[in-house]
Amino acid sequence: MSPIVKRKGEKFTLPSKYLLFILTILCTGMVLLTFNTTVFSGPLSAVAGYTVVPFEEGISVVGSWLANRSEELVQIRDLIAENEKLKRQVDELTIENTRLQQDRYELTNLRELYKLDAQYDEYEKTGARIIARDSGNWFHSFVINKGSKDGIAVNMNVMAGSGLVGRVVDVGPNWAKVKAIIADDSNVSAMVLSSSDNMIVSGNLKRYASGVIEFGLLVDSDNVVMEGDKIVTSNISDIYLPGILVGYISKINQDPNNLTKSGDITPAVDFEHLEEVLVIMQLKQIPDE
C-alpha cells in the first residue's frame, strides 16, 4: 500500500475508510475506558456523558436493528419454505382433483355404455378405447386399442352413447380403424322405426358442423313420416345389423321428382366427444345368392 503523500499546493484529505477506522477505534477505546476505569469519574463524567454515552446508545441502536433484521430474515426464510411447501401441496391436490374428475367422467361413460349394452343385449359386444383419430374436429375416423387378437374383424358394427358410431374398416393385431357414419364417404341403409320406410343415410362433415347429416331416397307415399321420428339400421343393410339407432329426423324436404323425400338427421351419438366404444362381435350374415 503506497503511503499518503501530500503534494505541494494540494489540500490534505483523509480517505473516508481511514476516518471510519479511526472513529471506530476511538469509540471502542472510550467504551472500554468507561467500563474498566474511573478516568471519567468526577469532573470528567459530564464530558463522558456528552461524548461516550451517545456512542454507546448508537452502538446499542445499531445492534438492536441488526438483531431485528436478522430475526426478520429468519422469518422470511421460514415463510419462503412454508410457501414452497404449500405450493407443492396445491399442485398435488390439483393433480388428484383432475384424476378424480377424469375417473368420474370415465365412470359416466362406462355407465352409458352399460346401458347401451343392455339395450342391445342380443348382440355380443366388447369395449374398446379410442387411441388415435384423423385430423378434424370430430371423430369421423379413429383407431381403437383392440384388433384381430381380440376377435375384431372388418365390417363389425361400432356403437357408443345412444347408438351407431360406424363400422370397422381395417384391422391389425392389437388395433382397428373405425369409419364413422358422419364421414363423407359413409352410407347406411336405414329405415324409419315407426313406419319401416327405407332410406339412405349419408355422412357429410360440412353438414355435421350444424350437428346433422343427410338422408335421401325416402319413399313416404302415405306422408306418415314426421320430424322427430327415430331412424334405425335397416333389415336390408348388407353391413349393419338391424335395429341400431342412427338418429332422429330433424328436417324433411320433398324431392323435385315428387316421389321421394330427403332431409336432415341428428345423429344419436356425439361425435365430438368420444373416448370408449362398443364393438359388436358378429357380422351381418348375407345369404348366398
Protein backbone atom coordinates (compact mmCIF):
# COMPACT_ATOMS: atom_id res chain seq x y z
CA MET A 1 0.00 0.00 0.00
CA SER A 2 1.54 3.30 -1.04
CA PRO A 3 1.87 5.99 1.69
CA ILE A 4 -0.28 9.05 1.63
CA VAL A 5 1.81 11.84 0.24
CA LYS A 6 0.74 15.45 0.25
CA ARG A 7 1.87 17.20 -2.86
CA LYS A 8 2.69 20.87 -2.84
CA GLY A 9 -0.35 23.04 -3.32
CA GLU A 10 -2.78 20.17 -2.63
CA LYS A 11 -5.23 20.18 0.30
CA PHE A 12 -4.70 17.19 2.53
CA THR A 13 -7.80 14.92 2.67
CA LEU A 14 -8.00 11.82 4.82
CA PRO A 15 -9.75 8.95 2.95
CA SER A 16 -13.13 8.03 4.39
CA LYS A 17 -12.17 4.43 5.11
CA TYR A 18 -9.31 5.60 7.32
CA LEU A 19 -11.56 8.11 9.06
CA LEU A 20 -14.12 5.38 9.75
CA PHE A 21 -11.40 3.11 11.10
CA ILE A 22 -10.07 5.82 13.43
CA LEU A 23 -13.54 6.68 14.74
CA THR A 24 -14.25 3.00 15.36
CA ILE A 25 -11.02 2.65 17.37
CA LEU A 26 -11.83 5.79 19.35
CA CYS A 27 -15.36 4.62 20.14
CA THR A 28 -14.15 1.20 21.21
CA GLY A 29 -11.43 2.71 23.36
CA MET A 30 -13.79 5.14 25.04
CA VAL A 31 -16.28 2.34 25.78
CA LEU A 32 -13.51 0.29 27.38
CA LEU A 33 -12.35 3.24 29.40
CA THR A 34 -15.87 3.86 30.60
CA PHE A 35 -16.43 0.31 31.82
CA ASN A 36 -12.94 -0.61 33.07
CA THR A 37 -11.50 2.63 34.51
CA THR A 38 -12.53 5.62 36.58
CA VAL A 39 -10.88 8.14 34.30
CA PHE A 40 -14.24 9.67 33.55
CA SER A 41 -15.38 9.87 37.13
CA GLY A 42 -15.71 13.18 38.82
CA PRO A 43 -15.43 16.31 36.67
CA LEU A 44 -14.90 14.33 33.51
CA SER A 45 -18.11 12.35 33.97
CA ALA A 46 -20.14 15.17 32.50
CA VAL A 47 -17.88 15.27 29.47
CA ALA A 48 -18.21 11.49 29.14
CA GLY A 49 -21.96 11.83 29.31
CA TYR A 50 -21.86 14.04 26.22
CA THR A 51 -19.30 12.02 24.33
CA VAL A 52 -19.19 8.35 25.24
CA VAL A 53 -22.85 7.76 26.12
CA PRO A 54 -24.17 8.87 22.73
CA PHE A 55 -21.72 6.48 21.07
CA GLU A 56 -22.87 3.67 23.34
CA GLU A 57 -26.50 4.45 22.60
CA GLY A 58 -25.74 4.50 18.88
CA ILE A 59 -24.00 1.15 19.11
CA SER A 60 -26.96 -0.25 21.08
CA VAL A 61 -29.45 1.02 18.49
CA VAL A 62 -27.39 -0.42 15.63
CA GLY A 63 -27.08 -3.75 17.48
CA SER A 64 -30.84 -3.88 18.09
CA TRP A 65 -31.54 -3.02 14.45
CA LEU A 66 -29.18 -5.75 13.23
CA ALA A 67 -30.76 -8.27 15.64
CA ASN A 68 -34.25 -7.36 14.42
CA ARG A 69 -33.16 -7.61 10.78
CA SER A 70 -31.58 -11.00 11.46
CA GLU A 71 -34.79 -12.25 13.07
CA GLU A 72 -36.82 -10.92 10.14
CA LEU A 73 -34.53 -12.71 7.67
CA VAL A 74 -35.05 -15.97 9.57
CA GLN A 75 -38.81 -15.41 9.47
CA ILE A 76 -38.67 -14.61 5.74
CA ARG A 77 -36.73 -17.83 5.07
CA ASP A 78 -39.31 -19.78 7.08
CA LEU A 79 -42.15 -18.11 5.15
CA ILE A 80 -40.48 -18.89 1.82
CA ALA A 81 -40.05 -22.54 2.82
CA GLU A 82 -43.66 -22.72 4.00
CA ASN A 83 -44.84 -21.09 0.78
CA GLU A 84 -42.95 -23.66 -1.31
CA LYS A 85 -44.46 -26.46 0.77
CA LEU A 86 -47.97 -25.05 0.26
CA LYS A 87 -47.34 -24.73 -3.49
CA ARG A 88 -46.35 -28.40 -3.65
CA GLN A 89 -49.48 -29.34 -1.73
CA VAL A 90 -51.64 -27.26 -4.09
CA ASP A 91 -50.03 -28.96 -7.11
CA GLU A 92 -50.62 -32.39 -5.58
CA LEU A 93 -54.24 -31.57 -4.78
CA THR A 94 -54.78 -30.18 -8.29
CA ILE A 95 -53.42 -33.38 -9.83
CA GLU A 96 -55.55 -35.50 -7.51
CA ASN A 97 -58.66 -33.44 -8.28
CA THR A 98 -58.03 -33.77 -12.02
CA ARG A 99 -57.61 -37.53 -11.62
CA LEU A 100 -60.87 -37.79 -9.67
CA GLN A 101 -62.71 -35.74 -12.29
CA GLN A 102 -61.33 -37.97 -15.02
CA ASP A 103 -62.37 -41.09 -13.10
CA ARG A 104 -65.84 -39.64 -12.64
CA TYR A 105 -66.09 -38.80 -16.35
CA GLU A 106 -64.93 -42.30 -17.31
CA LEU A 107 -67.41 -43.82 -14.87
CA THR A 108 -70.21 -41.82 -16.53
CA ASN A 109 -69.11 -43.07 -19.95
CA LEU A 110 -68.97 -46.65 -18.72
CA ARG A 111 -72.46 -46.35 -17.29
CA GLU A 112 -73.73 -45.11 -20.66
CA LEU A 113 -72.00 -48.00 -22.41
CA TYR A 114 -73.52 -50.39 -19.88
CA LYS A 115 -77.00 -49.05 -20.62
CA LEU A 116 -76.30 -49.34 -24.34
CA ASP A 117 -75.05 -52.88 -23.86
CA ALA A 118 -78.24 -53.79 -22.01
CA GLN A 119 -80.37 -52.16 -24.72
CA TYR A 120 -78.83 -54.37 -27.40
CA ASP A 121 -78.31 -57.46 -25.26
CA GLU A 122 -78.95 -59.79 -28.18
CA TYR A 123 -75.51 -58.93 -29.56
CA GLU A 124 -72.18 -59.97 -28.06
CA LYS A 125 -70.03 -56.87 -27.58
CA THR A 126 -66.61 -55.82 -26.33
CA GLY A 127 -65.49 -52.45 -25.08
CA ALA A 128 -62.55 -50.56 -26.62
CA ARG A 129 -60.78 -47.27 -26.05
CA ILE A 130 -60.02 -44.74 -28.80
CA ILE A 131 -56.25 -44.23 -29.04
CA ALA A 132 -55.95 -42.07 -32.20
CA ARG A 133 -58.07 -40.23 -34.73
CA ASP A 134 -57.78 -38.47 -38.06
CA SER A 135 -57.41 -34.70 -38.14
CA GLY A 136 -60.50 -32.60 -37.75
CA ASN A 137 -62.96 -31.50 -35.12
CA TRP A 138 -64.89 -34.77 -34.98
CA PHE A 139 -64.30 -38.48 -34.65
CA HIS A 140 -65.14 -39.34 -38.27
CA SER A 141 -62.25 -41.82 -38.48
CA PHE A 142 -60.34 -43.20 -35.50
CA VAL A 143 -58.33 -46.12 -34.12
CA ILE A 144 -59.26 -48.31 -31.15
CA ASN A 145 -56.98 -50.39 -28.92
CA LYS A 146 -58.32 -53.82 -29.90
CA GLY A 147 -57.70 -55.86 -33.03
CA SER A 148 -57.61 -59.33 -34.56
CA LYS A 149 -56.13 -60.84 -31.38
CA ASP A 150 -59.33 -59.76 -29.63
CA GLY A 151 -61.59 -61.14 -32.36
CA ILE A 152 -62.19 -57.82 -34.14
CA ALA A 153 -62.91 -58.11 -37.89
CA VAL A 154 -63.64 -55.74 -40.77
CA ASN A 155 -67.26 -54.54 -41.03
CA MET A 156 -68.08 -55.18 -37.39
CA ASN A 157 -70.51 -52.53 -36.14
CA VAL A 158 -69.39 -49.99 -33.55
CA MET A 159 -71.65 -48.20 -31.04
CA ALA A 160 -71.35 -45.55 -28.33
CA GLY A 161 -73.50 -43.09 -26.43
CA SER A 162 -77.02 -43.89 -27.60
CA GLY A 163 -76.50 -45.62 -30.91
CA LEU A 164 -74.49 -46.33 -34.04
CA VAL A 165 -70.99 -44.90 -34.47
CA GLY A 166 -69.84 -46.69 -37.63
CA ARG A 167 -68.00 -49.82 -38.69
CA VAL A 168 -64.53 -51.33 -38.60
CA VAL A 169 -62.70 -50.78 -41.92
CA ASP A 170 -59.18 -52.03 -41.11
CA VAL A 171 -57.70 -54.37 -38.51
CA GLY A 172 -54.26 -55.03 -37.05
CA PRO A 173 -53.14 -57.45 -34.32
CA ASN A 174 -53.93 -55.04 -31.47
CA TRP A 175 -55.73 -52.15 -33.18
CA ALA A 176 -58.62 -51.49 -35.54
CA LYS A 177 -59.68 -48.47 -37.58
CA VAL A 178 -63.29 -47.29 -37.47
CA LYS A 179 -65.10 -45.13 -40.01
CA ALA A 180 -67.98 -43.16 -38.54
CA ILE A 181 -71.36 -42.62 -40.19
CA ILE A 182 -70.66 -38.87 -40.39
CA ALA A 183 -67.69 -39.39 -42.79
CA ASP A 184 -68.21 -38.01 -46.29
CA ASP A 185 -67.99 -41.43 -47.97
CA SER A 186 -70.20 -43.23 -45.45
CA ASN A 187 -73.64 -44.59 -46.37
CA VAL A 188 -76.04 -46.51 -44.15
CA SER A 189 -79.17 -48.39 -45.20
CA ALA A 190 -81.69 -47.26 -42.60
CA MET A 191 -85.41 -47.07 -42.00
CA VAL A 192 -87.98 -45.08 -40.06
CA LEU A 193 -88.75 -47.09 -36.95
CA SER A 194 -92.44 -46.16 -36.82
CA SER A 195 -93.26 -46.89 -40.46
CA SER A 196 -90.41 -49.17 -41.68
CA ASP A 197 -89.92 -46.86 -44.69
CA ASN A 198 -86.39 -47.27 -46.02
CA MET A 199 -83.86 -44.53 -46.70
CA ILE A 200 -80.13 -43.97 -47.21
CA VAL A 201 -78.26 -42.00 -44.55
CA SER A 202 -75.16 -40.27 -45.91
CA GLY A 203 -72.31 -38.73 -43.97
CA ASN A 204 -71.43 -35.10 -44.58
CA LEU A 205 -68.78 -33.38 -42.45
CA LYS A 206 -69.81 -29.92 -43.64
CA ARG A 207 -73.40 -30.55 -42.65
CA TYR A 208 -72.28 -32.04 -39.33
CA ALA A 209 -70.83 -28.64 -38.47
CA SER A 210 -74.51 -27.83 -37.81
CA GLY A 211 -74.99 -31.10 -35.92
CA VAL A 212 -76.77 -33.01 -38.69
CA ILE A 213 -76.13 -35.46 -41.55
CA GLU A 214 -78.28 -36.18 -44.58
CA PHE A 215 -80.83 -38.77 -45.66
CA GLY A 216 -82.40 -39.40 -49.04
CA LEU A 217 -84.46 -41.80 -51.18
CA LEU A 218 -87.21 -41.93 -48.58
CA VAL A 219 -90.45 -43.16 -50.14
CA ASP A 220 -93.21 -41.85 -47.91
CA SER A 221 -96.29 -42.31 -50.05
CA ASP A 222 -98.63 -42.13 -47.06
CA ASN A 223 -96.97 -38.99 -45.63
CA VAL A 224 -96.67 -40.52 -42.19
CA VAL A 225 -93.01 -39.74 -41.55
CA MET A 226 -92.54 -36.76 -39.26
CA GLU A 227 -89.76 -34.72 -37.77
CA GLY A 228 -88.53 -36.36 -34.57
CA ASP A 229 -89.05 -39.93 -35.85
CA LYS A 230 -86.38 -42.45 -34.87
CA ILE A 231 -84.10 -43.77 -37.61
CA VAL A 232 -82.53 -47.23 -37.14
CA THR A 233 -80.42 -49.50 -39.30
CA SER A 234 -82.45 -51.40 -41.85
CA ASN A 235 -83.01 -55.13 -42.17
CA ILE A 236 -81.80 -54.95 -45.78
CA SER A 237 -78.41 -53.43 -44.94
CA ASP A 238 -75.54 -55.63 -46.11
CA ILE A 239 -73.15 -54.36 -43.41
CA TYR A 240 -75.08 -53.06 -40.42
CA LEU A 241 -77.06 -55.26 -38.06
CA PRO A 242 -80.76 -54.29 -37.89
CA GLY A 243 -82.40 -52.08 -35.30
CA ILE A 244 -79.42 -49.98 -34.16
CA LEU A 245 -80.41 -46.37 -33.50
CA VAL A 246 -78.90 -43.94 -36.01
CA GLY A 247 -80.61 -40.70 -35.00
CA TYR A 248 -83.72 -38.56 -35.34
CA ILE A 249 -85.24 -36.76 -38.31
CA SER A 250 -84.80 -33.02 -37.89
CA LYS A 251 -85.91 -31.82 -41.34
CA ILE A 252 -87.90 -33.26 -44.26
CA ASN A 253 -87.88 -31.98 -47.85
CA GLN A 254 -89.96 -33.11 -50.84
CA ASP A 255 -87.65 -34.02 -53.75
CA PRO A 256 -88.27 -32.43 -57.20
CA ASN A 257 -89.44 -35.80 -58.57
CA ASN A 258 -92.35 -35.76 -56.08
CA LEU A 259 -91.67 -39.45 -55.42
CA THR A 260 -89.02 -39.37 -52.70
CA LYS A 261 -88.09 -37.21 -49.75
CA SER A 262 -84.79 -36.11 -48.27
CA GLY A 263 -83.67 -34.09 -45.30
CA ASP A 264 -81.51 -33.98 -42.18
CA ILE A 265 -80.91 -36.38 -39.32
CA THR A 266 -79.48 -35.52 -35.93
CA PRO A 267 -77.20 -38.45 -35.01
CA ALA A 268 -77.76 -40.21 -31.68
CA VAL A 269 -74.00 -40.10 -30.97
CA ASP A 270 -71.95 -37.05 -30.06
CA PHE A 271 -69.04 -37.38 -32.49
CA GLU A 272 -67.15 -34.52 -30.88
CA HIS A 273 -66.65 -36.29 -27.54
CA LEU A 274 -65.81 -39.97 -27.88
CA GLU A 275 -63.46 -41.98 -25.68
CA GLU A 276 -64.83 -45.52 -25.38
CA VAL A 277 -66.91 -47.55 -27.82
CA LEU A 278 -68.61 -50.95 -28.02
CA VAL A 279 -67.79 -53.30 -30.89
CA ILE A 280 -70.47 -55.85 -31.78
CA MET A 281 -68.63 -59.15 -32.11
CA GLN A 282 -70.61 -60.54 -35.03
CA LEU A 283 -71.01 -59.71 -38.68
CA LYS A 284 -74.16 -59.21 -40.70
CA GLN A 285 -74.95 -62.54 -42.36
CA ILE A 286 -75.86 -62.21 -46.03
CA PRO A 287 -77.38 -65.32 -47.65
CA ASP A 288 -75.53 -66.63 -50.72
CA GLU A 289 -77.30 -65.82 -53.98
